[in-house]
Amino acid sequence: GKYFLEIRLSPAAAHNESGQSVYKGPRLVRLSLPALKGVALTG
């Protein structure tokens, strides 16, 4: 891609109080949709 959006959620976490991940989605995925070309959990 040539254009990017950063989406920040705060206060938030993708892990629980024990440090275990609660995030079940993709870490990085390339897409071929008309507008959206990829998504990544970046932090």
PDB file of all heavy atoms in Angstrom:
ATOM      1  N   GLY A   1       0.811  -1.209   0.000  1.00  0.00           N
ATOM      2  CA  GLY A   1       0.000   0.000   0.000  1.00  0.00           C
ATOM      3  C   GLY A   1       0.838   1.251   0.000  1.00  0.00           C
ATOM      4  O   GLY A   1       2.031   1.223   0.314  1.00  0.00           O
ATOM      5  N   LYS A   2       0.186   2.362  -0.339  1.00  0.00           N
ATOM      6  CA  LYS A   2       0.838   3.671  -0.342  1.00  0.00           C
ATOM      7  C   LYS A   2       0.297   4.556   0.765  1.00  0.00           C
ATOM      8  O   LYS A   2       0.889   5.567   1.104  1.00  0.00           O
ATOM      9  CB  LYS A   2       0.609   4.368  -1.689  1.00  0.00           C
ATOM     10  CG  LYS A   2       1.304   3.706  -2.849  1.00  0.00           C
ATOM     11  CD  LYS A   2       1.051   4.335  -4.213  1.00  0.00           C
ATOM     12  CE  LYS A   2       0.534   5.718  -4.232  1.00  0.00           C
ATOM     13  NZ  LYS A   2       0.281   6.272  -5.564  1.00  0.00           N
ATOM     14  N   TYR A   3      -0.852   4.183   1.323  1.00  0.00           N
ATOM     15  CA  TYR A   3      -1.509   4.974   2.358  1.00  0.00           C
ATOM     16  C   TYR A   3      -1.818   4.061   3.548  1.00  0.00           C
ATOM     17  O   TYR A   3      -2.181   2.896   3.361  1.00  0.00           O
ATOM     18  CB  TYR A   3      -2.799   5.597   1.823  1.00  0.00           C
ATOM     19  CG  TYR A   3      -2.557   6.493   0.644  1.00  0.00           C
ATOM     20  CD1 TYR A   3      -2.609   5.990  -0.658  1.00  0.00           C
ATOM     21  CD2 TYR A   3      -2.261   7.836   0.818  1.00  0.00           C
ATOM     22  CE1 TYR A   3      -2.379   6.812  -1.742  1.00  0.00           C
ATOM     23  CE2 TYR A   3      -2.023   8.665  -0.263  1.00  0.00           C
ATOM     24  CZ  TYR A   3      -2.084   8.150  -1.536  1.00  0.00           C
ATOM     25  OH  TYR A   3      -1.852   8.954  -2.612  1.00  0.00           O
ATOM     26  N   PHE A   4      -1.693   4.641   4.752  1.00  0.00           N
ATOM     27  CA  PHE A   4      -1.855   3.834   5.951  1.00  0.00           C
ATOM     28  C   PHE A   4      -2.627   4.603   7.018  1.00  0.00           C
ATOM     29  O   PHE A   4      -2.503   5.822   7.126  1.00  0.00           O
ATOM     30  CB  PHE A   4      -0.484   3.433   6.507  1.00  0.00           C
ATOM     31  CG  PHE A   4       0.368   2.719   5.503  1.00  0.00           C
ATOM     32  CD1 PHE A   4       1.307   3.409   4.754  1.00  0.00           C
ATOM     33  CD2 PHE A   4       0.216   1.367   5.280  1.00  0.00           C
ATOM     34  CE1 PHE A   4       2.084   2.770   3.808  1.00  0.00           C
ATOM     35  CE2 PHE A   4       0.992   0.705   4.336  1.00  0.00           C
ATOM     36  CZ  PHE A   4       1.929   1.409   3.597  1.00  0.00           C
ATOM     37  N   LEU A   5      -3.408   3.865   7.794  1.00  0.00           N
ATOM     38  CA  LEU A   5      -4.082   4.430   8.952  1.00  0.00           C
ATOM     39  C   LEU A   5      -3.624   3.677  10.189  1.00  0.00           C
ATOM     40  O   LEU A   5      -3.550   2.437  10.179  1.00  0.00           O
ATOM     41  CB  LEU A   5      -5.607   4.303   8.826  1.00  0.00           C
ATOM     42  CG  LEU A   5      -6.282   5.111   7.726  1.00  0.00           C
ATOM     43  CD1 LEU A   5      -7.781   4.794   7.691  1.00  0.00           C
ATOM     44  CD2 LEU A   5      -6.061   6.597   7.936  1.00  0.00           C
ATOM     45  N   GLU A   6      -3.313   4.439  11.245  1.00  0.00           N
ATOM     46  CA  GLU A   6      -3.000   3.845  12.545  1.00  0.00           C
ATOM     47  C   GLU A   6      -4.214   4.065  13.443  1.00  0.00           C
ATOM     48  O   GLU A   6      -4.684   5.193  13.591  1.00  0.00           O
ATOM     49  CB  GLU A   6      -1.775   4.510  13.154  1.00  0.00           C
ATOM     50  CG  GLU A   6      -1.411   3.915  14.500  1.00  0.00           C
ATOM     51  CD  GLU A   6      -0.224   4.613  15.125  1.00  0.00           C
ATOM     52  OE1 GLU A   6      -0.422   5.729  15.649  1.00  0.00           O
ATOM     53  OE2 GLU A   6       0.874   4.039  15.069  1.00  0.00           O
ATOM     54  N   ILE A   7      -4.708   2.985  14.023  1.00  0.00           N
ATOM     55  CA  ILE A   7      -5.878   3.025  14.900  1.00  0.00           C
ATOM     56  C   ILE A   7      -5.393   2.722  16.307  1.00  0.00           C
ATOM     57  O   ILE A   7      -4.852   1.640  16.559  1.00  0.00           O
ATOM     58  CB  ILE A   7      -6.933   1.999  14.445  1.00  0.00           C
ATOM     59  CG1 ILE A   7      -7.290   2.237  12.968  1.00  0.00           C
ATOM     60  CG2 ILE A   7      -8.166   2.072  15.334  1.00  0.00           C
ATOM     61  CD1 ILE A   7      -7.970   1.070  12.309  1.00  0.00           C
ATOM     62  N   ARG A   8      -5.549   3.697  17.223  1.00  0.00           N
ATOM     63  CA  ARG A   8      -5.059   3.575  18.606  1.00  0.00           C
ATOM     64  C   ARG A   8      -6.229   3.513  19.575  1.00  0.00           C
ATOM     65  O   ARG A   8      -7.066   4.407  19.582  1.00  0.00           O
ATOM     66  CB  ARG A   8      -4.179   4.754  18.968  1.00  0.00           C
ATOM     67  CG  ARG A   8      -2.924   4.869  18.135  1.00  0.00           C
ATOM     68  CD  ARG A   8      -2.149   6.134  18.436  1.00  0.00           C
ATOM     69  NE  ARG A   8      -1.758   6.258  19.815  1.00  0.00           N
ATOM     70  CZ  ARG A   8      -0.625   5.777  20.341  1.00  0.00           C
ATOM     71  NH1 ARG A   8       0.225   5.154  19.554  1.00  0.00           N
ATOM     72  NH2 ARG A   8      -0.352   5.929  21.602  1.00  0.00           N
ATOM     73  N   LEU A   9      -6.253   2.473  20.388  1.00  0.00           N
ATOM     74  CA  LEU A   9      -7.251   2.334  21.434  1.00  0.00           C
ATOM     75  C   LEU A   9      -6.535   2.481  22.768  1.00  0.00           C
ATOM     76  O   LEU A   9      -5.546   1.768  23.035  1.00  0.00           O
ATOM     77  CB  LEU A   9      -7.927   0.962  21.364  1.00  0.00           C
ATOM     78  CG  LEU A   9      -8.741   0.678  20.098  1.00  0.00           C
ATOM     79  CD1 LEU A   9      -7.877   0.042  19.033  1.00  0.00           C
ATOM     80  CD2 LEU A   9      -9.912  -0.209  20.430  1.00  0.00           C
ATOM     81  N   SER A  10      -7.007   3.411  23.607  1.00  0.00           N
ATOM     82  CA  SER A  10      -6.348   3.636  24.890  1.00  0.00           C
ATOM     83  C   SER A  10      -7.319   4.272  25.878  1.00  0.00           C
ATOM     84  O   SER A  10      -7.995   5.238  25.517  1.00  0.00           O
ATOM     85  CB  SER A  10      -5.136   4.543  24.696  1.00  0.00           C
ATOM     86  OG  SER A  10      -4.496   4.795  25.922  1.00  0.00           O
ATOM     87  N   PRO A  11      -7.385   3.725  27.093  1.00  0.00           N
ATOM     88  CA  PRO A  11      -6.620   2.603  27.619  1.00  0.00           C
ATOM     89  C   PRO A  11      -7.211   1.274  27.149  1.00  0.00           C
ATOM     90  O   PRO A  11      -8.409   1.071  27.180  1.00  0.00           O
ATOM     91  CB  PRO A  11      -6.750   2.755  29.127  1.00  0.00           C
ATOM     92  CG  PRO A  11      -8.049   3.465  29.332  1.00  0.00           C
ATOM     93  CD  PRO A  11      -8.231   4.339  28.119  1.00  0.00           C
ATOM     94  N   ALA A  12      -6.322   0.394  26.724  1.00  0.00           N
ATOM     95  CA  ALA A  12      -6.719  -0.925  26.238  1.00  0.00           C
ATOM     96  C   ALA A  12      -5.527  -1.868  26.290  1.00  0.00           C
ATOM     97  O   ALA A  12      -4.384  -1.429  26.407  1.00  0.00           O
ATOM     98  CB  ALA A  12      -7.245  -0.835  24.809  1.00  0.00           C
ATOM     99  N   ALA A  13      -5.809  -3.163  26.188  1.00  0.00           N
ATOM    100  CA  ALA A  13      -4.767  -4.192  26.158  1.00  0.00           C
ATOM    101  C   ALA A  13      -5.248  -5.339  25.284  1.00  0.00           C
ATOM    102  O   ALA A  13      -6.450  -5.534  25.122  1.00  0.00           O
ATOM    103  CB  ALA A  13      -4.461  -4.692  27.566  1.00  0.00           C
ATOM    104  N   ALA A  14      -4.312  -6.074  24.727  1.00  0.00           N
ATOM    105  CA  ALA A  14      -4.639  -7.286  23.977  1.00  0.00           C
ATOM    106  C   ALA A  14      -4.192  -8.508  24.781  1.00  0.00           C
ATOM    107  O   ALA A  14      -3.989  -9.581  24.240  1.00  0.00           O
ATOM    108  CB  ALA A  14      -3.980  -7.257  22.603  1.00  0.00           C
ATOM    109  N   HIS A  15      -4.023  -8.304  26.082  1.00  0.00           N
ATOM    110  CA  HIS A  15      -3.632  -9.377  26.997  1.00  0.00           C
ATOM    111  C   HIS A  15      -4.395  -9.197  28.306  1.00  0.00           C
ATOM    112  O   HIS A  15      -4.923  -8.126  28.584  1.00  0.00           O
ATOM    113  CB  HIS A  15      -2.116  -9.354  27.252  1.00  0.00           C
ATOM    114  CG  HIS A  15      -1.650  -8.072  27.867  1.00  0.00           C
ATOM    115  ND1 HIS A  15      -1.391  -6.931  27.119  1.00  0.00           N
ATOM    116  CD2 HIS A  15      -1.441  -7.727  29.154  1.00  0.00           C
ATOM    117  CE1 HIS A  15      -1.018  -5.953  27.925  1.00  0.00           C
ATOM    118  NE2 HIS A  15      -1.043  -6.402  29.161  1.00  0.00           N
ATOM    119  N   ASN A  16      -4.432 -10.274  29.113  1.00  0.00           N
ATOM    120  CA  ASN A  16      -5.124 -10.177  30.396  1.00  0.00           C
ATOM    121  C   ASN A  16      -4.146  -9.783  31.500  1.00  0.00           C
ATOM    122  O   ASN A  16      -2.960  -9.535  31.232  1.00  0.00           O
ATOM    123  CB  ASN A  16      -5.859 -11.487  30.717  1.00  0.00           C
ATOM    124  CG  ASN A  16      -4.928 -12.678  30.835  1.00  0.00           C
ATOM    125  OD1 ASN A  16      -3.730 -12.542  31.085  1.00  0.00           O
ATOM    126  ND2 ASN A  16      -5.477 -13.869  30.650  1.00  0.00           N
ATOM    127  N   GLU A  17      -4.627  -9.739  32.729  1.00  0.00           N
ATOM    128  CA  GLU A  17      -3.786  -9.325  33.856  1.00  0.00           C
ATOM    129  C   GLU A  17      -2.620 -10.280  34.101  1.00  0.00           C
ATOM    130  O   GLU A  17      -1.630  -9.911  34.710  1.00  0.00           O
ATOM    131  CB  GLU A  17      -4.632  -9.183  35.118  1.00  0.00           C
ATOM    132  CG  GLU A  17      -5.603  -8.015  35.037  1.00  0.00           C
ATOM    133  CD  GLU A  17      -6.505  -7.897  36.252  1.00  0.00           C
ATOM    134  OE1 GLU A  17      -6.332  -8.682  37.210  1.00  0.00           O
ATOM    135  OE2 GLU A  17      -7.383  -7.020  36.237  1.00  0.00           O
ATOM    136  N   SER A  18      -2.730 -11.518  33.615  1.00  0.00           N
ATOM    137  CA  SER A  18      -1.650 -12.500  33.762  1.00  0.00           C
ATOM    138  C   SER A  18      -0.628 -12.390  32.639  1.00  0.00           C
ATOM    139  O   SER A  18       0.344 -13.130  32.619  1.00  0.00           O
ATOM    140  CB  SER A  18      -2.221 -13.920  33.779  1.00  0.00           C
ATOM    141  OG  SER A  18      -3.138 -14.072  34.825  1.00  0.00           O
ATOM    142  N   GLY A  19      -0.867 -11.503  31.679  1.00  0.00           N
ATOM    143  CA  GLY A  19       0.055 -11.335  30.564  1.00  0.00           C
ATOM    144  C   GLY A  19      -0.236 -12.251  29.397  1.00  0.00           C
ATOM    145  O   GLY A  19       0.488 -12.236  28.403  1.00  0.00           O
ATOM    146  N   GLN A  20      -1.298 -13.059  29.476  1.00  0.00           N
ATOM    147  CA  GLN A  20      -1.639 -13.978  28.394  1.00  0.00           C
ATOM    148  C   GLN A  20      -2.466 -13.242  27.341  1.00  0.00           C
ATOM    149  O   GLN A  20      -3.362 -12.461  27.672  1.00  0.00           O
ATOM    150  CB  GLN A  20      -2.435 -15.166  28.936  1.00  0.00           C
ATOM    151  CG  GLN A  20      -1.656 -15.988  29.935  1.00  0.00           C
ATOM    152  CD  GLN A  20      -2.551 -16.975  30.674  1.00  0.00           C
ATOM    153  OE1 GLN A  20      -3.701 -16.688  30.967  1.00  0.00           O
ATOM    154  NE2 GLN A  20      -1.990 -18.137  30.980  1.00  0.00           N
ATOM    155  N   SER A  21      -2.184 -13.507  26.089  1.00  0.00           N
ATOM    156  CA  SER A  21      -2.890 -12.847  25.001  1.00  0.00           C
ATOM    157  C   SER A  21      -4.368 -13.211  25.009  1.00  0.00           C
ATOM    158  O   SER A  21      -4.729 -14.371  25.165  1.00  0.00           O
ATOM    159  CB  SER A  21      -2.277 -13.245  23.651  1.00  0.00           C
ATOM    160  OG  SER A  21      -2.984 -12.602  22.611  1.00  0.00           O
ATOM    161  N   VAL A  22      -5.229 -12.219  24.850  1.00  0.00           N
ATOM    162  CA  VAL A  22      -6.664 -12.442  24.678  1.00  0.00           C
ATOM    163  C   VAL A  22      -7.054 -12.145  23.229  1.00  0.00           C
ATOM    164  O   VAL A  22      -8.180 -12.368  22.829  1.00  0.00           O
ATOM    165  CB  VAL A  22      -7.513 -11.579  25.643  1.00  0.00           C
ATOM    166  CG1 VAL A  22      -7.254 -11.966  27.086  1.00  0.00           C
ATOM    167  CG2 VAL A  22      -7.280 -10.101  25.427  1.00  0.00           C
ATOM    168  N   TYR A  23      -6.096 -11.646  22.457  1.00  0.00           N
ATOM    169  CA  TYR A  23      -6.321 -11.303  21.063  1.00  0.00           C
ATOM    170  C   TYR A  23      -6.299 -12.565  20.211  1.00  0.00           C
ATOM    171  O   TYR A  23      -5.316 -13.304  20.212  1.00  0.00           O
ATOM    172  CB  TYR A  23      -5.253 -10.314  20.587  1.00  0.00           C
ATOM    173  CG  TYR A  23      -5.408  -9.914  19.145  1.00  0.00           C
ATOM    174  CD1 TYR A  23      -6.388  -9.008  18.772  1.00  0.00           C
ATOM    175  CD2 TYR A  23      -4.586 -10.448  18.163  1.00  0.00           C
ATOM    176  CE1 TYR A  23      -6.543  -8.634  17.443  1.00  0.00           C
ATOM    177  CE2 TYR A  23      -4.735 -10.074  16.834  1.00  0.00           C
ATOM    178  CZ  TYR A  23      -5.714  -9.174  16.488  1.00  0.00           C
ATOM    179  OH  TYR A  23      -5.873  -8.815  15.176  1.00  0.00           O
ATOM    180  N   LYS A  24      -7.386 -12.826  19.488  1.00  0.00           N
ATOM    181  CA  LYS A  24      -7.501 -14.034  18.674  1.00  0.00           C
ATOM    182  C   LYS A  24      -7.479 -13.743  17.181  1.00  0.00           C
ATOM    183  O   LYS A  24      -7.612 -14.646  16.370  1.00  0.00           O
ATOM    184  CB  LYS A  24      -8.787 -14.795  19.026  1.00  0.00           C
ATOM    185  CG  LYS A  24      -8.906 -15.137  20.495  1.00  0.00           C
ATOM    186  CD  LYS A  24      -7.760 -15.996  20.968  1.00  0.00           C
ATOM    187  CE  LYS A  24      -7.906 -16.320  22.441  1.00  0.00           C
ATOM    188  NZ  LYS A  24      -6.666 -16.723  23.067  1.00  0.00           N
ATOM    189  N   GLY A  25      -7.323 -12.486  16.815  1.00  0.00           N
ATOM    190  CA  GLY A  25      -7.332 -12.099  15.406  1.00  0.00           C
ATOM    191  C   GLY A  25      -5.968 -12.271  14.760  1.00  0.00           C
ATOM    192  O   GLY A  25      -5.012 -12.734  15.382  1.00  0.00           O
ATOM    193  N   PRO A  26      -5.858 -11.841  13.520  1.00  0.00           N
ATOM    194  CA  PRO A  26      -4.598 -11.971  12.793  1.00  0.00           C
ATOM    195  C   PRO A  26      -3.569 -10.958  13.284  1.00  0.00           C
ATOM    196  O   PRO A  26      -3.907  -9.855  13.687  1.00  0.00           O
ATOM    197  CB  PRO A  26      -4.995 -11.671  11.354  1.00  0.00           C
ATOM    198  CG  PRO A  26      -6.178 -10.768  11.486  1.00  0.00           C
ATOM    199  CD  PRO A  26      -6.904 -11.230  12.710  1.00  0.00           C
ATOM    200  N   ARG A  27      -2.313 -11.353  13.254  1.00  0.00           N
ATOM    201  CA  ARG A  27      -1.217 -10.435  13.598  1.00  0.00           C
ATOM    202  C   ARG A  27      -0.835  -9.605  12.374  1.00  0.00           C
ATOM    203  O   ARG A  27      -0.457  -8.457  12.495  1.00  0.00           O
ATOM    204  CB  ARG A  27       0.009 -11.214  14.085  1.00  0.00           C
ATOM    205  CG  ARG A  27      -0.241 -12.060  15.311  1.00  0.00           C
ATOM    206  CD  ARG A  27      -0.354 -11.212  16.515  1.00  0.00           C
ATOM    207  NE  ARG A  27      -0.743 -12.031  17.671  1.00  0.00           N
ATOM    208  CZ  ARG A  27      -0.843 -11.561  18.872  1.00  0.00           C
ATOM    209  NH1 ARG A  27      -0.586 -10.306  19.123  1.00  0.00           N
ATOM    210  NH2 ARG A  27      -1.226 -12.336  19.861  1.00  0.00           N
ATOM    211  N   LEU A  28      -0.928 -10.216  11.203  1.00  0.00           N
ATOM    212  CA  LEU A  28      -0.598  -9.555   9.942  1.00  0.00           C
ATOM    213  C   LEU A  28      -1.314 -10.318   8.831  1.00  0.00           C
ATOM    214  O   LEU A  28      -1.174 -11.531   8.729  1.00  0.00           O
ATOM    215  CB  LEU A  28       0.917  -9.586   9.698  1.00  0.00           C
ATOM    216  CG  LEU A  28       1.398  -9.020   8.378  1.00  0.00           C
ATOM    217  CD1 LEU A  28       1.406  -7.493   8.431  1.00  0.00           C
ATOM    218  CD2 LEU A  28       2.792  -9.511   8.058  1.00  0.00           C
ATOM    219  N   VAL A  29      -2.083  -9.596   8.022  1.00  0.00           N
ATOM    220  CA  VAL A  29      -2.776 -10.258   6.918  1.00  0.00           C
ATOM    221  C   VAL A  29      -2.828  -9.301   5.730  1.00  0.00           C
ATOM    222  O   VAL A  29      -3.085  -8.114   5.883  1.00  0.00           O
ATOM    223  CB  VAL A  29      -4.203 -10.719   7.327  1.00  0.00           C
ATOM    224  CG1 VAL A  29      -5.089  -9.557   7.703  1.00  0.00           C
ATOM    225  CG2 VAL A  29      -4.852 -11.551   6.247  1.00  0.00           C
ATOM    226  N   ARG A  30      -2.514  -9.842   4.555  1.00  0.00           N
ATOM    227  CA  ARG A  30      -2.607  -9.087   3.302  1.00  0.00           C
ATOM    228  C   ARG A  30      -3.957  -9.406   2.685  1.00  0.00           C
ATOM    229  O   ARG A  30      -4.376 -10.563   2.672  1.00  0.00           O
ATOM    230  CB  ARG A  30      -1.480  -9.484   2.369  1.00  0.00           C
ATOM    231  CG  ARG A  30      -0.138  -9.071   2.916  1.00  0.00           C
ATOM    232  CD  ARG A  30       0.998  -9.722   2.158  1.00  0.00           C
ATOM    233  NE  ARG A  30       2.235  -9.487   2.875  1.00  0.00           N
ATOM    234  CZ  ARG A  30       3.273  -8.876   2.354  1.00  0.00           C
ATOM    235  NH1 ARG A  30       3.252  -8.460   1.112  1.00  0.00           N
ATOM    236  NH2 ARG A  30       4.350  -8.683   3.070  1.00  0.00           N
ATOM    237  N   LEU A  31      -4.613  -8.369   2.185  1.00  0.00           N
ATOM    238  CA  LEU A  31      -5.959  -8.523   1.634  1.00  0.00           C
ATOM    239  C   LEU A  31      -6.012  -7.986   0.212  1.00  0.00           C
ATOM    240  O   LEU A  31      -5.165  -7.187  -0.187  1.00  0.00           O
ATOM    241  CB  LEU A  31      -6.962  -7.755   2.510  1.00  0.00           C
ATOM    242  CG  LEU A  31      -6.991  -8.168   3.983  1.00  0.00           C
ATOM    243  CD1 LEU A  31      -7.796  -7.162   4.790  1.00  0.00           C
ATOM    244  CD2 LEU A  31      -7.560  -9.561   4.127  1.00  0.00           C
ATOM    245  N   SER A  32      -7.039  -8.395  -0.526  1.00  0.00           N
ATOM    246  CA  SER A  32      -7.246  -7.900  -1.895  1.00  0.00           C
ATOM    247  C   SER A  32      -8.645  -7.335  -2.041  1.00  0.00           C
ATOM    248  O   SER A  32      -9.319  -7.577  -3.037  1.00  0.00           O
ATOM    249  CB  SER A  32      -7.037  -9.048  -2.896  1.00  0.00           C
ATOM    250  OG  SER A  32      -5.698  -9.461  -2.878  1.00  0.00           O
ATOM    251  N   LEU A  33      -9.078  -6.594  -1.052  1.00  0.00           N
ATOM    252  CA  LEU A  33     -10.385  -5.959  -1.127  1.00  0.00           C
ATOM    253  C   LEU A  33     -10.261  -4.689  -1.979  1.00  0.00           C
ATOM    254  O   LEU A  33      -9.148  -4.210  -2.227  1.00  0.00           O
ATOM    255  CB  LEU A  33     -10.889  -5.624   0.270  1.00  0.00           C
ATOM    256  CG  LEU A  33     -11.037  -6.811   1.243  1.00  0.00           C
ATOM    257  CD1 LEU A  33     -11.562  -6.334   2.580  1.00  0.00           C
ATOM    258  CD2 LEU A  33     -11.936  -7.874   0.663  1.00  0.00           C
ATOM    259  N   PRO A  34     -11.372  -4.130  -2.433  1.00  0.00           N
ATOM    260  CA  PRO A  34     -11.274  -2.927  -3.267  1.00  0.00           C
ATOM    261  C   PRO A  34     -10.500  -1.774  -2.607  1.00  0.00           C
ATOM    262  O   PRO A  34      -9.722  -1.100  -3.267  1.00  0.00           O
ATOM    263  CB  PRO A  34     -12.735  -2.550  -3.504  1.00  0.00           C
ATOM    264  CG  PRO A  34     -13.467  -3.850  -3.434  1.00  0.00           C
ATOM    265  CD  PRO A  34     -12.748  -4.627  -2.360  1.00  0.00           C
ATOM    266  N   ALA A  35     -10.682  -1.547  -1.309  1.00  0.00           N
ATOM    267  CA  ALA A  35      -9.977  -0.462  -0.623  1.00  0.00           C
ATOM    268  C   ALA A  35      -8.905  -0.999   0.328  1.00  0.00           C
ATOM    269  O   ALA A  35      -7.753  -0.588   0.262  1.00  0.00           O
ATOM    270  CB  ALA A  35     -10.963   0.419   0.155  1.00  0.00           C
ATOM    271  N   LEU A  36      -9.271  -1.919   1.179  1.00  0.00           N
ATOM    272  CA  LEU A  36      -8.391  -2.424   2.236  1.00  0.00           C
ATOM    273  C   LEU A  36      -7.418  -3.476   1.694  1.00  0.00           C
ATOM    274  O   LEU A  36      -7.837  -4.488   1.137  1.00  0.00           O
ATOM    275  CB  LEU A  36      -9.241  -3.007   3.364  1.00  0.00           C
ATOM    276  CG  LEU A  36      -8.547  -3.467   4.623  1.00  0.00           C
ATOM    277  CD1 LEU A  36      -7.810  -2.313   5.311  1.00  0.00           C
ATOM    278  CD2 LEU A  36      -9.573  -4.079   5.581  1.00  0.00           C
ATOM    279  N   LYS A  37      -6.111  -3.215   1.855  1.00  0.00           N
ATOM    280  CA  LYS A  37      -5.081  -4.108   1.318  1.00  0.00           C
ATOM    281  C   LYS A  37      -4.325  -4.884   2.382  1.00  0.00           C
ATOM    282  O   LYS A  37      -3.578  -5.805   2.076  1.00  0.00           O
ATOM    283  CB  LYS A  37      -4.071  -3.312   0.474  1.00  0.00           C
ATOM    284  CG  LYS A  37      -4.715  -2.592  -0.694  1.00  0.00           C
ATOM    285  CD  LYS A  37      -5.472  -3.555  -1.589  1.00  0.00           C
ATOM    286  CE  LYS A  37      -6.168  -2.858  -2.730  1.00  0.00           C
ATOM    287  NZ  LYS A  37      -7.071  -3.747  -3.460  1.00  0.00           N
ATOM    288  N   GLY A  38      -4.513  -4.520   3.654  1.00  0.00           N
ATOM    289  CA  GLY A  38      -3.850  -5.267   4.705  1.00  0.00           C
ATOM    290  C   GLY A  38      -4.183  -4.716   6.073  1.00  0.00           C
ATOM    291  O   GLY A  38      -4.576  -3.560   6.217  1.00  0.00           O
ATOM    292  N   VAL A  39      -4.021  -5.590   7.085  1.00  0.00           N
ATOM    293  CA  VAL A  39      -4.289  -5.237   8.475  1.00  0.00           C
ATOM    294  C   VAL A  39      -3.223  -5.889   9.341  1.00  0.00           C
ATOM    295  O   VAL A  39      -2.809  -7.026   9.075  1.00  0.00           O
ATOM    296  CB  VAL A  39      -5.682  -5.739   8.917  1.00  0.00           C
ATOM    297  CG1 VAL A  39      -5.925  -5.468  10.388  1.00  0.00           C
ATOM    298  CG2 VAL A  39      -6.779  -5.124   8.082  1.00  0.00           C
ATOM    299  N   ALA A  40      -2.783  -5.177  10.385  1.00  0.00           N
ATOM    300  CA  ALA A  40      -1.795  -5.742  11.310  1.00  0.00           C
ATOM    301  C   ALA A  40      -2.045  -5.221  12.721  1.00  0.00           C
ATOM    302  O   ALA A  40      -2.405  -4.052  12.902  1.00  0.00           O
ATOM    303  CB  ALA A  40      -0.381  -5.367  10.879  1.00  0.00           C
ATOM    304  N   LEU A  41      -1.864  -6.103  13.695  1.00  0.00           N
ATOM    305  CA  LEU A  41      -1.806  -5.677  15.090  1.00  0.00           C
ATOM    306  C   LEU A  41      -0.386  -5.169  15.278  1.00  0.00           C
ATOM    307  O   LEU A  41       0.574  -5.931  15.174  1.00  0.00           O
ATOM    308  CB  LEU A  41      -2.084  -6.845  16.031  1.00  0.00           C
ATOM    309  CG  LEU A  41      -1.997  -6.516  17.519  1.00  0.00           C
ATOM    310  CD1 LEU A  41      -3.118  -5.572  17.937  1.00  0.00           C
ATOM    311  CD2 LEU A  41      -2.057  -7.792  18.350  1.00  0.00           C
ATOM    312  N   THR A  42      -0.224  -3.865  15.495  1.00  0.00           N
ATOM    313  CA  THR A  42       1.121  -3.289  15.533  1.00  0.00           C
ATOM    314  C   THR A  42       1.618  -2.996  16.932  1.00  0.00           C
ATOM    315  O   THR A  42       2.794  -2.710  17.104  1.00  0.00           O
ATOM    316  CB  THR A  42       1.180  -1.996  14.684  1.00  0.00           C
ATOM    317  OG1 THR A  42       0.217  -1.066  15.182  1.00  0.00           O
ATOM    318  CG2 THR A  42       0.902  -2.300  13.223  1.00  0.00           C
ATOM    319  N   GLY A  43       0.739  -3.059  17.933  1.00  0.00           N
ATOM    320  CA  GLY A  43       1.219  -2.806  19.275  1.00  0.00           C
ATOM    321  C   GLY A  43       0.227  -3.165  20.363  1.00  0.00           C
ATOM    322  O   GLY A  43      -0.984  -3.126  20.161  1.00  0.00           O
TER     323      GLY A  43
END
